[in-house]
Amino acid sequence: MSGNMIPFGERDGLLFQVDEVANGLKSQCTCPECQRVMRQKGIKP
């Protein structure tokens, strides 16, 4: 893991910032560049 932190993820063709989605895999976001599933470390429980 490179340690890079991506400030947004993609879901359903839309970009979301970390504070707009749930934490962990509940965010259902992917990396816009490589399409890998992202585990969000956002603010919301």
C-alpha atoms as a PDB file:
ATOM      1  CA  MET A   1       0.000   0.000   0.000  1.00  0.00           C
ATOM      2  CA  SER A   2       1.389   3.356  -0.988  1.00  0.00           C
ATOM      3  CA  GLY A   3      -0.194   5.362   1.833  1.00  0.00           C
ATOM      4  CA  ASN A   4      -1.876   7.783  -0.561  1.00  0.00           C
ATOM      5  CA  MET A   5      -5.141   9.151   0.693  1.00  0.00           C
ATOM      6  CA  ILE A   6      -7.750   9.856  -1.956  1.00  0.00           C
ATOM      7  CA  PRO A   7     -10.155  12.643  -0.874  1.00  0.00           C
ATOM      8  CA  PHE A   8     -13.077  11.249  -2.871  1.00  0.00           C
ATOM      9  CA  GLY A   9     -14.580   8.039  -4.204  1.00  0.00           C
ATOM     10  CA  GLU A  10     -16.928   7.151  -7.023  1.00  0.00           C
ATOM     11  CA  ARG A  11     -20.332   5.486  -6.720  1.00  0.00           C
ATOM     12  CA  ASP A  12     -22.998   5.187  -9.411  1.00  0.00           C
ATOM     13  CA  GLY A  13     -20.989   7.491 -11.706  1.00  0.00           C
ATOM     14  CA  LEU A  14     -20.850  10.312  -9.129  1.00  0.00           C
ATOM     15  CA  LEU A  15     -17.924  11.542  -7.002  1.00  0.00           C
ATOM     16  CA  PHE A  16     -18.340  11.809  -3.226  1.00  0.00           C
ATOM     17  CA  GLN A  17     -16.077  13.432  -0.636  1.00  0.00           C
ATOM     18  CA  VAL A  18     -15.165  11.408   2.458  1.00  0.00           C
ATOM     19  CA  ASP A  19     -17.540  13.328   4.722  1.00  0.00           C
ATOM     20  CA  GLU A  20     -20.504  12.539   2.434  1.00  0.00           C
ATOM     21  CA  VAL A  21     -20.453   8.739   2.803  1.00  0.00           C
ATOM     22  CA  ALA A  22     -20.488   6.087   5.523  1.00  0.00           C
ATOM     23  CA  ASN A  23     -17.288   4.594   6.956  1.00  0.00           C
ATOM     24  CA  GLY A  24     -15.741   1.322   5.825  1.00  0.00           C
ATOM     25  CA  LEU A  25     -17.130  -0.770   2.997  1.00  0.00           C
ATOM     26  CA  LYS A  26     -20.591   0.734   3.641  1.00  0.00           C
ATOM     27  CA  SER A  27     -19.521   3.675   1.489  1.00  0.00           C
ATOM     28  CA  GLN A  28     -19.778   1.425  -1.598  1.00  0.00           C
ATOM     29  CA  CYS A  29     -17.232   3.669  -3.330  1.00  0.00           C
ATOM     30  CA  THR A  30     -14.512   2.737  -5.789  1.00  0.00           C
ATOM     31  CA  CYS A  31     -11.323   4.514  -6.798  1.00  0.00           C
ATOM     32  CA  PRO A  32     -12.124   6.658  -9.851  1.00  0.00           C
ATOM     33  CA  GLU A  33      -8.783   5.742 -11.443  1.00  0.00           C
ATOM     34  CA  CYS A  34      -8.319   1.994 -10.833  1.00  0.00           C
ATOM     35  CA  GLN A  35     -11.943   1.009  -9.927  1.00  0.00           C
ATOM     36  CA  ARG A  36     -10.853  -0.902  -6.787  1.00  0.00           C
ATOM     37  CA  VAL A  37     -13.239  -0.955  -3.834  1.00  0.00           C
ATOM     38  CA  MET A  38     -12.349   1.703  -1.273  1.00  0.00           C
ATOM     39  CA  ARG A  39     -12.640   1.345   2.496  1.00  0.00           C
ATOM     40  CA  GLN A  40     -13.686   4.790   3.562  1.00  0.00           C
ATOM     41  CA  LYS A  41     -12.255   6.425   6.686  1.00  0.00           C
ATOM     42  CA  GLY A  42     -14.817   9.186   6.787  1.00  0.00           C
ATOM     43  CA  ILE A  43     -16.443  10.984   9.692  1.00  0.00           C
ATOM     44  CA  LYS A  44     -19.936   9.520   9.730  1.00  0.00           C
ATOM     45  CA  PRO A  45     -20.608   6.258  11.656  1.00  0.00           C
END
